[in-house]
Amino acid sequence: MSKIEDEVCEEIQARAERGLNKYGVTMERGDLNTREWLQHLLEELLDAAVYVKRLQKEYDELVEGLEQVQGLLETLQSRLPEDE
């Protein structure tokens, strides 16, 4: 496995431990039916979609800012005297 996969495995284990401490159950719990598991999954995916949208907006703002800086640099460079 790569370091990335190792890190993901560590995060999964840490998350499972936090869940056990917080809720007192593991993913092997038997009190939820398939429909309830699907509802949990849907809620997690909806949260993920919100995170993606937020990050897309942040990325777009960063790109726009960089483009403005690049435009300013080009303007400044065009105003500098040329080397003789």
PDB file of N, CA and C in Angstrom:
ATOM      1  N   MET A   1       0.836  -1.191   0.000  1.00  0.00           N
ATOM      2  CA  MET A   1       0.000   0.000   0.000  1.00  0.00           C
ATOM      3  C   MET A   1       0.874   1.246   0.000  1.00  0.00           C
ATOM      4  N   SER A   2       0.283   2.326  -0.490  1.00  0.00           N
ATOM      5  CA  SER A   2       0.982   3.599  -0.485  1.00  0.00           C
ATOM      6  C   SER A   2       0.778   4.295   0.864  1.00  0.00           C
ATOM      7  N   LYS A   3       1.539   5.369   1.078  1.00  0.00           N
ATOM      8  CA  LYS A   3       1.380   6.152   2.300  1.00  0.00           C
ATOM      9  C   LYS A   3      -0.041   6.716   2.390  1.00  0.00           C
ATOM     10  N   ILE A   4      -0.585   7.094   1.264  1.00  0.00           N
ATOM     11  CA  ILE A   4      -1.935   7.660   1.244  1.00  0.00           C
ATOM     12  C   ILE A   4      -2.940   6.632   1.745  1.00  0.00           C
ATOM     13  N   GLU A   5      -2.835   5.419   1.239  1.00  0.00           N
ATOM     14  CA  GLU A   5      -3.745   4.356   1.682  1.00  0.00           C
ATOM     15  C   GLU A   5      -3.551   4.044   3.160  1.00  0.00           C
ATOM     16  N   ASP A   6      -2.301   4.061   3.615  1.00  0.00           N
ATOM     17  CA  ASP A   6      -2.035   3.849   5.038  1.00  0.00           C
ATOM     18  C   ASP A   6      -2.710   4.930   5.879  1.00  0.00           C
ATOM     19  N   GLU A   7      -2.618   6.173   5.422  1.00  0.00           N
ATOM     20  CA  GLU A   7      -3.242   7.276   6.151  1.00  0.00           C
ATOM     21  C   GLU A   7      -4.763   7.121   6.189  1.00  0.00           C
ATOM     22  N   VAL A   8      -5.356   6.701   5.075  1.00  0.00           N
ATOM     23  CA  VAL A   8      -6.801   6.489   5.032  1.00  0.00           C
ATOM     24  C   VAL A   8      -7.196   5.399   6.031  1.00  0.00           C
ATOM     25  N   CYS A   9      -6.444   4.319   6.065  1.00  0.00           N
ATOM     26  CA  CYS A   9      -6.737   3.234   7.012  1.00  0.00           C
ATOM     27  C   CYS A   9      -6.655   3.729   8.456  1.00  0.00           C
ATOM     28  N   GLU A  10      -5.646   4.543   8.749  1.00  0.00           N
ATOM     29  CA  GLU A  10      -5.507   5.096  10.101  1.00  0.00           C
ATOM     30  C   GLU A  10      -6.689   6.002  10.438  1.00  0.00           C
ATOM     31  N   GLU A  11      -7.117   6.797   9.473  1.00  0.00           N
ATOM     32  CA  GLU A  11      -8.254   7.681   9.705  1.00  0.00           C
ATOM     33  C   GLU A  11      -9.540   6.891   9.931  1.00  0.00           C
ATOM     34  N   ILE A  12      -9.710   5.811   9.185  1.00  0.00           N
ATOM     35  CA  ILE A  12     -10.896   4.959   9.373  1.00  0.00           C
ATOM     36  C   ILE A  12     -10.896   4.378  10.784  1.00  0.00           C
ATOM     37  N   GLN A  13      -9.751   3.896  11.226  1.00  0.00           N
ATOM     38  CA  GLN A  13      -9.675   3.315  12.564  1.00  0.00           C
ATOM     39  C   GLN A  13      -9.924   4.366  13.636  1.00  0.00           C
ATOM     40  N   ALA A  14      -9.366   5.558  13.454  1.00  0.00           N
ATOM     41  CA  ALA A  14      -9.573   6.627  14.435  1.00  0.00           C
ATOM     42  C   ALA A  14     -11.041   7.042  14.469  1.00  0.00           C
ATOM     43  N   ARG A  15     -11.655   7.109  13.292  1.00  0.00           N
ATOM     44  CA  ARG A  15     -13.083   7.478  13.222  1.00  0.00           C
ATOM     45  C   ARG A  15     -13.938   6.409  13.896  1.00  0.00           C
ATOM     46  N   ALA A  16     -13.611   5.143  13.686  1.00  0.00           N
ATOM     47  CA  ALA A  16     -14.360   4.057  14.324  1.00  0.00           C
ATOM     48  C   ALA A  16     -14.246   4.146  15.841  1.00  0.00           C
ATOM     49  N   GLU A  17     -13.061   4.475  16.319  1.00  0.00           N
ATOM     50  CA  GLU A  17     -12.858   4.602  17.761  1.00  0.00           C
ATOM     51  C   GLU A  17     -13.663   5.775  18.323  1.00  0.00           C
ATOM     52  N   ARG A  18     -13.648   6.904  17.608  1.00  0.00           N
ATOM     53  CA  ARG A  18     -14.447   8.056  18.049  1.00  0.00           C
ATOM     54  C   ARG A  18     -15.934   7.709  18.069  1.00  0.00           C
ATOM     55  N   GLY A  19     -16.397   6.997  17.047  1.00  0.00           N
ATOM     56  CA  GLY A  19     -17.798   6.596  16.984  1.00  0.00           C
ATOM     57  C   GLY A  19     -18.171   5.679  18.129  1.00  0.00           C
ATOM     58  N   LEU A  20     -17.297   4.751  18.441  1.00  0.00           N
ATOM     59  CA  LEU A  20     -17.552   3.834  19.555  1.00  0.00           C
ATOM     60  C   LEU A  20     -17.632   4.603  20.869  1.00  0.00           C
ATOM     61  N   ASN A  21     -16.701   5.549  21.053  1.00  0.00           N
ATOM     62  CA  ASN A  21     -16.709   6.348  22.285  1.00  0.00           C
ATOM     63  C   ASN A  21     -17.941   7.244  22.367  1.00  0.00           C
ATOM     64  N   LYS A  22     -18.362   7.794  21.228  1.00  0.00           N
ATOM     65  CA  LYS A  22     -19.485   8.725  21.225  1.00  0.00           C
ATOM     66  C   LYS A  22     -20.836   8.020  21.305  1.00  0.00           C
ATOM     67  N   TYR A  23     -20.992   6.948  20.520  1.00  0.00           N
ATOM     68  CA  TYR A  23     -22.303   6.294  20.417  1.00  0.00           C
ATOM     69  C   TYR A  23     -22.391   4.951  21.139  1.00  0.00           C
ATOM     70  N   GLY A  24     -21.240   4.397  21.515  1.00  0.00           N
ATOM     71  CA  GLY A  24     -21.238   3.131  22.236  1.00  0.00           C
ATOM     72  C   GLY A  24     -21.522   1.916  21.373  1.00  0.00           C
ATOM     73  N   VAL A  25     -21.444   2.074  20.044  1.00  0.00           N
ATOM     74  CA  VAL A  25     -21.687   0.955  19.129  1.00  0.00           C
ATOM     75  C   VAL A  25     -20.662   0.991  18.004  1.00  0.00           C
ATOM     76  N   THR A  26     -20.498  -0.154  17.345  1.00  0.00           N
ATOM     77  CA  THR A  26     -19.619  -0.238  16.173  1.00  0.00           C
ATOM     78  C   THR A  26     -20.487  -0.347  14.925  1.00  0.00           C
ATOM     79  N   MET A  27     -19.861  -0.454  13.787  1.00  0.00           N
ATOM     80  CA  MET A  27     -20.594  -0.638  12.534  1.00  0.00           C
ATOM     81  C   MET A  27     -21.239  -2.019  12.466  1.00  0.00           C
ATOM     82  N   GLU A  28     -20.913  -2.873  13.386  1.00  0.00           N
ATOM     83  CA  GLU A  28     -21.528  -4.200  13.437  1.00  0.00           C
ATOM     84  C   GLU A  28     -22.820  -4.188  14.251  1.00  0.00           C
ATOM     85  N   ARG A  29     -23.284  -3.017  14.616  1.00  0.00           N
ATOM     86  CA  ARG A  29     -24.526  -2.889  15.387  1.00  0.00           C
ATOM     87  C   ARG A  29     -25.680  -3.529  14.624  1.00  0.00           C
ATOM     88  N   GLY A  30     -26.643  -3.993  15.337  1.00  0.00           N
ATOM     89  CA  GLY A  30     -27.745  -4.689  14.694  1.00  0.00           C
ATOM     90  C   GLY A  30     -29.091  -3.995  14.831  1.00  0.00           C
ATOM     91  N   ASP A  31     -29.062  -2.748  15.317  1.00  0.00           N
ATOM     92  CA  ASP A  31     -30.334  -2.079  15.583  1.00  0.00           C
ATOM     93  C   ASP A  31     -30.863  -1.260  14.401  1.00  0.00           C
ATOM     94  N   LEU A  32     -30.132  -1.216  13.290  1.00  0.00           N
ATOM     95  CA  LEU A  32     -30.591  -0.470  12.119  1.00  0.00           C
ATOM     96  C   LEU A  32     -30.896  -1.436  10.984  1.00  0.00           C
ATOM     97  N   ASN A  33     -31.975  -1.154  10.271  1.00  0.00           N
ATOM     98  CA  ASN A  33     -32.284  -1.982   9.103  1.00  0.00           C
ATOM     99  C   ASN A  33     -31.649  -1.362   7.857  1.00  0.00           C
ATOM    100  N   THR A  34     -31.787  -2.027   6.746  1.00  0.00           N
ATOM    101  CA  THR A  34     -31.157  -1.560   5.502  1.00  0.00           C
ATOM    102  C   THR A  34     -31.616  -0.156   5.145  1.00  0.00           C
ATOM    103  N   ARG A  35     -32.898   0.114   5.293  1.00  0.00           N
ATOM    104  CA  ARG A  35     -33.430   1.444   4.963  1.00  0.00           C
ATOM    105  C   ARG A  35     -32.799   2.515   5.837  1.00  0.00           C
ATOM    106  N   GLU A  36     -32.611   2.221   7.103  1.00  0.00           N
ATOM    107  CA  GLU A  36     -31.997   3.187   8.018  1.00  0.00           C
ATOM    108  C   GLU A  36     -30.525   3.412   7.680  1.00  0.00           C
ATOM    109  N   TRP A  37     -29.817   2.351   7.297  1.00  0.00           N
ATOM    110  CA  TRP A  37     -28.420   2.507   6.855  1.00  0.00           C
ATOM    111  C   TRP A  37     -28.359   3.381   5.603  1.00  0.00           C
ATOM    112  N   LEU A  38     -29.302   3.155   4.683  1.00  0.00           N
ATOM    113  CA  LEU A  38     -29.349   3.978   3.470  1.00  0.00           C
ATOM    114  C   LEU A  38     -29.616   5.442   3.803  1.00  0.00           C
ATOM    115  N   GLN A  39     -30.452   5.695   4.793  1.00  0.00           N
ATOM    116  CA  GLN A  39     -30.716   7.077   5.213  1.00  0.00           C
ATOM    117  C   GLN A  39     -29.456   7.722   5.774  1.00  0.00           C
ATOM    118  N   HIS A  40     -28.721   6.968   6.598  1.00  0.00           N
ATOM    119  CA  HIS A  40     -27.441   7.481   7.126  1.00  0.00           C
ATOM    120  C   HIS A  40     -26.494   7.809   5.972  1.00  0.00           C
ATOM    121  N   LEU A  41     -26.406   6.923   5.015  1.00  0.00           N
ATOM    122  CA  LEU A  41     -25.531   7.149   3.859  1.00  0.00           C
ATOM    123  C   LEU A  41     -25.961   8.387   3.091  1.00  0.00           C
ATOM    124  N   LEU A  42     -27.253   8.527   2.842  1.00  0.00           N
ATOM    125  CA  LEU A  42     -27.764   9.695   2.129  1.00  0.00           C
ATOM    126  C   LEU A  42     -27.381  10.981   2.852  1.00  0.00           C
ATOM    127  N   GLU A  43     -27.545  11.004   4.159  1.00  0.00           N
ATOM    128  CA  GLU A  43     -27.211  12.202   4.929  1.00  0.00           C
ATOM    129  C   GLU A  43     -25.722  12.528   4.843  1.00  0.00           C
ATOM    130  N   GLU A  44     -24.883  11.501   4.887  1.00  0.00           N
ATOM    131  CA  GLU A  44     -23.439  11.725   4.752  1.00  0.00           C
ATOM    132  C   GLU A  44     -23.092  12.254   3.361  1.00  0.00           C
ATOM    133  N   LEU A  45     -23.745  11.700   2.333  1.00  0.00           N
ATOM    134  CA  LEU A  45     -23.476  12.156   0.963  1.00  0.00           C
ATOM    135  C   LEU A  45     -23.973  13.575   0.732  1.00  0.00           C
ATOM    136  N   LEU A  46     -25.092  13.929   1.330  1.00  0.00           N
ATOM    137  CA  LEU A  46     -25.580  15.302   1.224  1.00  0.00           C
ATOM    138  C   LEU A  46     -24.607  16.267   1.886  1.00  0.00           C
ATOM    139  N   ASP A  47     -24.090  15.891   3.047  1.00  0.00           N
ATOM    140  CA  ASP A  47     -23.058  16.714   3.695  1.00  0.00           C
ATOM    141  C   ASP A  47     -21.846  16.861   2.784  1.00  0.00           C
ATOM    142  N   ALA A  48     -21.428  15.753   2.175  1.00  0.00           N
ATOM    143  CA  ALA A  48     -20.270  15.792   1.283  1.00  0.00           C
ATOM    144  C   ALA A  48     -20.507  16.722   0.103  1.00  0.00           C
ATOM    145  N   ALA A  49     -21.728  16.709  -0.441  1.00  0.00           N
ATOM    146  CA  ALA A  49     -22.044  17.595  -1.568  1.00  0.00           C
ATOM    147  C   ALA A  49     -21.930  19.060  -1.147  1.00  0.00           C
ATOM    148  N   VAL A  50     -22.362  19.373   0.063  1.00  0.00           N
ATOM    149  CA  VAL A  50     -22.243  20.743   0.563  1.00  0.00           C
ATOM    150  C   VAL A  50     -20.774  21.124   0.708  1.00  0.00           C
ATOM    151  N   TYR A  51     -19.958  20.213   1.208  1.00  0.00           N
ATOM    152  CA  TYR A  51     -18.527  20.488   1.353  1.00  0.00           C
ATOM    153  C   TYR A  51     -17.878  20.727  -0.008  1.00  0.00           C
ATOM    154  N   VAL A  52     -18.240  19.904  -0.981  1.00  0.00           N
ATOM    155  CA  VAL A  52     -17.677  20.059  -2.328  1.00  0.00           C
ATOM    156  C   VAL A  52     -18.046  21.421  -2.898  1.00  0.00           C
ATOM    157  N   LYS A  53     -19.309  21.822  -2.773  1.00  0.00           N
ATOM    158  CA  LYS A  53     -19.758  23.109  -3.301  1.00  0.00           C
ATOM    159  C   LYS A  53     -19.008  24.254  -2.639  1.00  0.00           C
ATOM    160  N   ARG A  54     -18.835  24.182  -1.326  1.00  0.00           N
ATOM    161  CA  ARG A  54     -18.107  25.229  -0.619  1.00  0.00           C
ATOM    162  C   ARG A  54     -16.671  25.323  -1.112  1.00  0.00           C
ATOM    163  N   LEU A  55     -16.027  24.183  -1.249  1.00  0.00           N
ATOM    164  CA  LEU A  55     -14.637  24.173  -1.704  1.00  0.00           C
ATOM    165  C   LEU A  55     -14.513  24.647  -3.148  1.00  0.00           C
ATOM    166  N   GLN A  56     -15.499  24.335  -3.993  1.00  0.00           N
ATOM    167  CA  GLN A  56     -15.488  24.833  -5.368  1.00  0.00           C
ATOM    168  C   GLN A  56     -15.542  26.355  -5.371  1.00  0.00           C
ATOM    169  N   LYS A  57     -16.396  26.930  -4.546  1.00  0.00           N
ATOM    170  CA  LYS A  57     -16.500  28.385  -4.477  1.00  0.00           C
ATOM    171  C   LYS A  57     -15.192  28.994  -3.975  1.00  0.00           C
ATOM    172  N   GLU A  58     -14.608  28.393  -2.961  1.00  0.00           N
ATOM    173  CA  GLU A  58     -13.337  28.882  -2.433  1.00  0.00           C
ATOM    174  C   GLU A  58     -12.246  28.803  -3.501  1.00  0.00           C
ATOM    175  N   TYR A  59     -12.203  27.704  -4.220  1.00  0.00           N
ATOM    176  CA  TYR A  59     -11.221  27.526  -5.293  1.00  0.00           C
ATOM    177  C   TYR A  59     -11.408  28.585  -6.371  1.00  0.00           C
ATOM    178  N   ASP A  60     -12.667  28.803  -6.777  1.00  0.00           N
ATOM    179  CA  ASP A  60     -12.952  29.802  -7.809  1.00  0.00           C
ATOM    180  C   ASP A  60     -12.509  31.196  -7.365  1.00  0.00           C
ATOM    181  N   GLU A  61     -12.734  31.529  -6.093  1.00  0.00           N
ATOM    182  CA  GLU A  61     -12.307  32.823  -5.568  1.00  0.00           C
ATOM    183  C   GLU A  61     -10.787  32.948  -5.582  1.00  0.00           C
ATOM    184  N   LEU A  62     -10.093  31.875  -5.245  1.00  0.00           N
ATOM    185  CA  LEU A  62      -8.630  31.893  -5.271  1.00  0.00           C
ATOM    186  C   LEU A  62      -8.107  32.084  -6.690  1.00  0.00           C
ATOM    187  N   VAL A  63      -8.704  31.372  -7.633  1.00  0.00           N
ATOM    188  CA  VAL A  63      -8.290  31.492  -9.028  1.00  0.00           C
ATOM    189  C   VAL A  63      -8.536  32.916  -9.520  1.00  0.00           C
ATOM    190  N   GLU A  64      -9.695  33.465  -9.187  1.00  0.00           N
ATOM    191  CA  GLU A  64     -10.014  34.829  -9.597  1.00  0.00           C
ATOM    192  C   GLU A  64      -9.009  35.820  -9.009  1.00  0.00           C
ATOM    193  N   GLY A  65      -8.666  35.641  -7.742  1.00  0.00           N
ATOM    194  CA  GLY A  65      -7.668  36.502  -7.100  1.00  0.00           C
ATOM    195  C   GLY A  65      -6.312  36.394  -7.768  1.00  0.00           C
ATOM    196  N   LEU A  66      -5.914  35.177  -8.093  1.00  0.00           N
ATOM    197  CA  LEU A  66      -4.624  34.979  -8.777  1.00  0.00           C
ATOM    198  C   LEU A  66      -4.617  35.621 -10.162  1.00  0.00           C
ATOM    199  N   GLU A  67      -5.738  35.522 -10.852  1.00  0.00           N
ATOM    200  CA  GLU A  67      -5.837  36.142 -12.174  1.00  0.00           C
ATOM    201  C   GLU A  67      -5.730  37.660 -12.062  1.00  0.00           C
ATOM    202  N   GLN A  68      -6.316  38.237 -11.027  1.00  0.00           N
ATOM    203  CA  GLN A  68      -6.219  39.679 -10.819  1.00  0.00           C
ATOM    204  C   GLN A  68      -4.777  40.089 -10.524  1.00  0.00           C
ATOM    205  N   VAL A  69      -4.108  39.312  -9.688  1.00  0.00           N
ATOM    206  CA  VAL A  69      -2.706  39.598  -9.374  1.00  0.00           C
ATOM    207  C   VAL A  69      -1.857  39.487 -10.637  1.00  0.00           C
ATOM    208  N   GLN A  70      -2.102  38.456 -11.426  1.00  0.00           N
ATOM    209  CA  GLN A  70      -1.357  38.283 -12.665  1.00  0.00           C
ATOM    210  C   GLN A  70      -1.588  39.471 -13.605  1.00  0.00           C
ATOM    211  N   GLY A  71      -2.813  39.943 -13.692  1.00  0.00           N
ATOM    212  CA  GLY A  71      -3.122  41.103 -14.523  1.00  0.00           C
ATOM    213  C   GLY A  71      -2.389  42.342 -14.038  1.00  0.00           C
ATOM    214  N   LEU A  72      -2.353  42.546 -12.720  1.00  0.00           N
ATOM    215  CA  LEU A  72      -1.632  43.685 -12.158  1.00  0.00           C
ATOM    216  C   LEU A  72      -0.141  43.600 -12.442  1.00  0.00           C
ATOM    217  N   LEU A  73       0.412  42.403 -12.319  1.00  0.00           N
ATOM    218  CA  LEU A  73       1.838  42.218 -12.611  1.00  0.00           C
ATOM    219  C   LEU A  73       2.138  42.531 -14.073  1.00  0.00           C
ATOM    220  N   GLU A  74       1.299  42.076 -14.949  1.00  0.00           N
ATOM    221  CA  GLU A  74       1.502  42.352 -16.374  1.00  0.00           C
ATOM    222  C   GLU A  74       1.408  43.847 -16.656  1.00  0.00           C
ATOM    223  N   THR A  75       0.476  44.529 -16.000  1.00  0.00           N
ATOM    224  CA  THR A  75       0.355  45.978 -16.164  1.00  0.00           C
ATOM    225  C   THR A  75       1.612  46.678 -15.677  1.00  0.00           C
ATOM    226  N   LEU A  76       2.094  46.274 -14.498  1.00  0.00           N
ATOM    227  CA  LEU A  76       3.312  46.879 -13.952  1.00  0.00           C
ATOM    228  C   LEU A  76       4.516  46.619 -14.856  1.00  0.00           C
ATOM    229  N   GLN A  77       4.634  45.395 -15.345  1.00  0.00           N
ATOM    230  CA  GLN A  77       5.756  45.060 -16.222  1.00  0.00           C
ATOM    231  C   GLN A  77       5.711  45.875 -17.507  1.00  0.00           C
ATOM    232  N   SER A  78       4.523  46.129 -18.014  1.00  0.00           N
ATOM    233  CA  SER A  78       4.411  46.898 -19.262  1.00  0.00           C
ATOM    234  C   SER A  78       4.778  48.363 -19.043  1.00  0.00           C
ATOM    235  N   ARG A  79       4.734  48.844 -17.821  1.00  0.00           N
ATOM    236  CA  ARG A  79       5.059  50.234 -17.506  1.00  0.00           C
ATOM    237  C   ARG A  79       6.529  50.434 -17.155  1.00  0.00           C
ATOM    238  N   LEU A  80       7.237  49.336 -16.934  1.00  0.00           N
ATOM    239  CA  LEU A  80       8.668  49.441 -16.621  1.00  0.00           C
ATOM    240  C   LEU A  80       9.428  49.828 -17.871  1.00  0.00           C
ATOM    241  N   PRO A  81      10.482  50.642 -17.673  1.00  0.00           N
ATOM    242  CA  PRO A  81      11.290  50.988 -18.852  1.00  0.00           C
ATOM    243  C   PRO A  81      11.999  49.728 -19.370  1.00  0.00           C
ATOM    244  N   GLU A  82      12.097  49.673 -20.681  1.00  0.00           N
ATOM    245  CA  GLU A  82      12.772  48.508 -21.293  1.00  0.00           C
ATOM    246  C   GLU A  82      14.258  48.645 -21.128  1.00  0.00           C
ATOM    247  N   ASP A  83      14.936  47.482 -21.005  1.00  0.00           N
ATOM    248  CA  ASP A  83      16.398  47.465 -20.922  1.00  0.00           C
ATOM    249  C   ASP A  83      16.972  47.942 -22.242  1.00  0.00           C
ATOM    250  N   GLU A  84      18.063  48.670 -22.146  1.00  0.00           N
ATOM    251  CA  GLU A  84      18.718  49.150 -23.360  1.00  0.00           C
ATOM    252  C   GLU A  84      19.799  48.232 -23.810  1.00  0.00           C
TER     253      GLU A  84
END
